Amino acid sequence: MRAARTSVAKAFALDYLNSWSAPNDSALEATAAFYAPRILFHGREVSMKRLFEEKRRFVRRWPERDYRPRPDGVGTVCNPAGEVCTVHAVFDFTASHPKRRRVSQGTGALQLVVHFIGDKPVIVAEHSTLLGQERKRNLALEGASND
């Protein structure tokens, strides 16, 4: 059971990262499917409603996102019963806001605590850290209109 849950939790975390590369509406719709009703989010307990509001602010700030987990940078450890797994992932990202002509790119580390309710994994805790980041004006858009 534990080995199977390790594999499921890892795939679940990779699906989560992939969902944040999707268009805003799709990324936000997926939020409810990934999380428990209450989440420890960056050290503080929040409701699903509060988490959704934070995620919505994030996608407005960075409407175009691409998250690429490093294949050798994902690890999963589960408790002996296999009901709680912690997934660590190192990922590269690019986030942009074309109208503001801003780009942020770098590397991050993600930690998800995944709890299994029956066979369904849900995120009960999330923490991420920037390992390196560069923000700049998107020079390719310098000549674009400012609407």
Protein backbone atom coordinates (compact mmCIF):
# COMPACT_ATOMS: atom_id res chain seq x y z
CA MET A 1 0.00 0.00 0.00
CA ARG A 2 2.73 2.46 0.96
CA ALA A 3 4.67 1.99 -2.31
CA ALA A 4 1.50 2.47 -4.36
CA ARG A 5 0.59 5.62 -2.41
CA THR A 6 4.09 7.00 -2.92
CA SER A 7 3.62 6.70 -6.67
CA VAL A 8 0.08 8.15 -6.59
CA ALA A 9 1.15 11.10 -4.42
CA LYS A 10 4.04 11.90 -6.77
CA ALA A 11 1.79 11.78 -9.86
CA PHE A 12 -0.80 13.90 -8.01
CA ALA A 13 1.83 16.57 -7.21
CA LEU A 14 3.04 16.62 -10.82
CA ASP A 15 -0.58 16.99 -11.99
CA TYR A 16 -0.95 19.88 -9.54
CA LEU A 17 2.12 21.68 -10.95
CA ASN A 18 0.90 21.03 -14.48
CA SER A 19 -2.52 22.51 -13.65
CA TRP A 20 -0.84 25.82 -12.79
CA SER A 21 0.53 26.00 -16.33
CA ALA A 22 -3.05 25.95 -17.67
CA PRO A 23 -5.11 29.05 -18.54
CA ASN A 24 -6.44 30.94 -15.52
CA ASP A 25 -10.01 29.59 -15.57
CA SER A 26 -8.81 25.99 -15.80
CA ALA A 27 -6.17 26.47 -13.11
CA LEU A 28 -8.68 28.01 -10.71
CA GLU A 29 -11.34 25.37 -11.44
CA ALA A 30 -8.86 22.65 -10.54
CA THR A 31 -8.14 24.21 -7.14
CA ALA A 32 -11.13 22.61 -5.39
CA ALA A 33 -10.19 19.16 -6.71
CA PHE A 34 -6.66 19.34 -5.31
CA TYR A 35 -7.20 20.69 -1.80
CA ALA A 36 -8.78 19.65 1.48
CA PRO A 37 -11.40 22.02 2.96
CA ARG A 38 -8.75 23.51 5.30
CA ILE A 39 -5.12 23.86 4.28
CA LEU A 40 -1.90 24.80 6.00
CA PHE A 41 -0.73 27.29 3.37
CA HIS A 42 2.74 28.76 3.83
CA GLY A 43 2.52 28.29 7.59
CA ARG A 44 -1.01 29.48 8.25
CA GLU A 45 -4.27 27.57 8.25
CA VAL A 46 -6.75 28.84 5.66
CA SER A 47 -10.15 27.83 4.36
CA MET A 48 -10.71 26.73 0.79
CA LYS A 49 -12.40 30.09 0.14
CA ARG A 50 -9.38 32.03 1.40
CA LEU A 51 -6.99 29.84 -0.59
CA PHE A 52 -9.05 30.33 -3.74
CA GLU A 53 -8.90 34.12 -3.26
CA GLU A 54 -5.11 33.98 -2.94
CA LYS A 55 -4.79 31.79 -6.02
CA ARG A 56 -7.08 34.14 -7.98
CA ARG A 57 -4.88 37.14 -7.06
CA PHE A 58 -1.83 35.18 -8.18
CA VAL A 59 -3.25 34.30 -11.62
CA ARG A 60 -4.30 37.92 -12.14
CA ARG A 61 -0.78 39.04 -11.36
CA TRP A 62 0.76 36.35 -13.60
CA PRO A 63 -1.83 35.30 -16.21
CA GLU A 64 0.61 33.22 -18.23
CA ARG A 65 2.57 30.57 -16.34
CA ASP A 66 4.72 27.59 -17.21
CA TYR A 67 5.90 25.20 -14.48
CA ARG A 68 8.38 22.48 -15.38
CA PRO A 69 9.28 20.01 -12.63
CA ARG A 70 12.82 18.73 -12.83
CA PRO A 71 12.67 14.96 -13.46
CA ASP A 72 15.43 14.28 -10.93
CA GLY A 73 14.04 16.85 -8.49
CA VAL A 74 10.88 15.10 -7.26
CA GLY A 75 10.83 12.92 -4.15
CA THR A 76 8.05 11.42 -2.08
CA VAL A 77 8.00 9.97 1.43
CA CYS A 78 4.90 8.39 2.99
CA ASN A 79 4.15 7.41 6.55
CA PRO A 80 4.14 3.65 7.27
CA ALA A 81 0.36 3.34 6.75
CA GLY A 82 0.59 5.25 3.46
CA GLU A 83 -2.15 7.69 4.43
CA VAL A 84 0.02 10.83 4.49
CA CYS A 85 2.77 11.54 1.97
CA THR A 86 5.09 14.50 1.60
CA VAL A 87 6.17 15.39 -1.91
CA HIS A 88 9.15 17.66 -2.57
CA ALA A 89 9.61 19.01 -6.07
CA VAL A 90 12.15 21.35 -7.61
CA PHE A 91 10.74 23.14 -10.64
CA ASP A 92 11.65 25.78 -13.17
CA PHE A 93 9.07 28.41 -13.99
CA THR A 94 8.26 31.30 -16.25
CA ALA A 95 5.40 33.64 -15.41
CA SER A 96 4.40 36.65 -17.43
CA HIS A 97 1.88 39.42 -17.70
CA PRO A 98 1.96 40.56 -21.35
CA LYS A 99 -0.07 43.75 -20.81
CA ARG A 100 2.27 44.86 -18.02
CA ARG A 101 5.24 43.62 -20.08
CA ARG A 102 6.63 41.73 -17.09
CA VAL A 103 8.32 38.36 -16.91
CA SER A 104 9.45 36.40 -13.87
CA GLN A 105 11.47 33.26 -14.26
CA GLY A 106 13.48 31.06 -12.01
CA THR A 107 13.55 27.95 -9.92
CA GLY A 108 11.38 27.01 -6.97
CA ALA A 109 10.99 24.25 -4.43
CA LEU A 110 7.53 22.95 -3.58
CA GLN A 111 6.49 20.87 -0.60
CA LEU A 112 3.02 19.32 -0.60
CA VAL A 113 1.60 17.21 2.22
CA VAL A 114 -0.93 14.87 0.65
CA HIS A 115 -3.52 13.07 2.77
CA PHE A 116 -5.47 10.14 1.37
CA ILE A 117 -9.19 10.09 2.11
CA GLY A 118 -10.00 6.59 1.00
CA ASP A 119 -8.18 6.41 -2.32
CA LYS A 120 -8.50 10.15 -3.04
CA PRO A 121 -5.40 12.29 -2.45
CA VAL A 122 -5.90 15.89 -1.26
CA ILE A 123 -3.40 18.57 -0.36
CA VAL A 124 -3.52 19.43 3.34
CA ALA A 125 -0.37 21.57 3.42
CA GLU A 126 1.59 23.54 0.86
CA HIS A 127 4.80 25.50 1.09
CA SER A 128 7.01 26.81 -1.69
CA THR A 129 10.25 28.71 -1.78
CA LEU A 130 12.04 30.57 -4.54
CA LEU A 131 15.51 29.18 -5.08
CA GLY A 132 16.36 31.75 -7.71
CA GLN A 133 14.37 34.36 -9.60
CA GLU A 134 14.80 36.98 -12.27
CA ARG A 135 12.19 39.62 -13.05
CA LYS A 136 12.40 41.82 -16.08
CA ARG A 137 10.52 43.68 -18.72
CA ASN A 138 9.65 41.46 -21.62
CA LEU A 139 11.80 43.06 -24.29
CA ALA A 140 9.93 41.26 -27.05
CA LEU A 141 6.87 43.26 -26.07
CA GLU A 142 8.56 46.65 -25.76
CA GLY A 143 6.93 47.85 -28.97
CA ALA A 144 3.48 46.53 -28.03
CA SER A 145 0.64 48.87 -27.20
CA ASN A 146 0.02 49.80 -23.59
CA ASP A 147 -3.65 48.87 -23.38
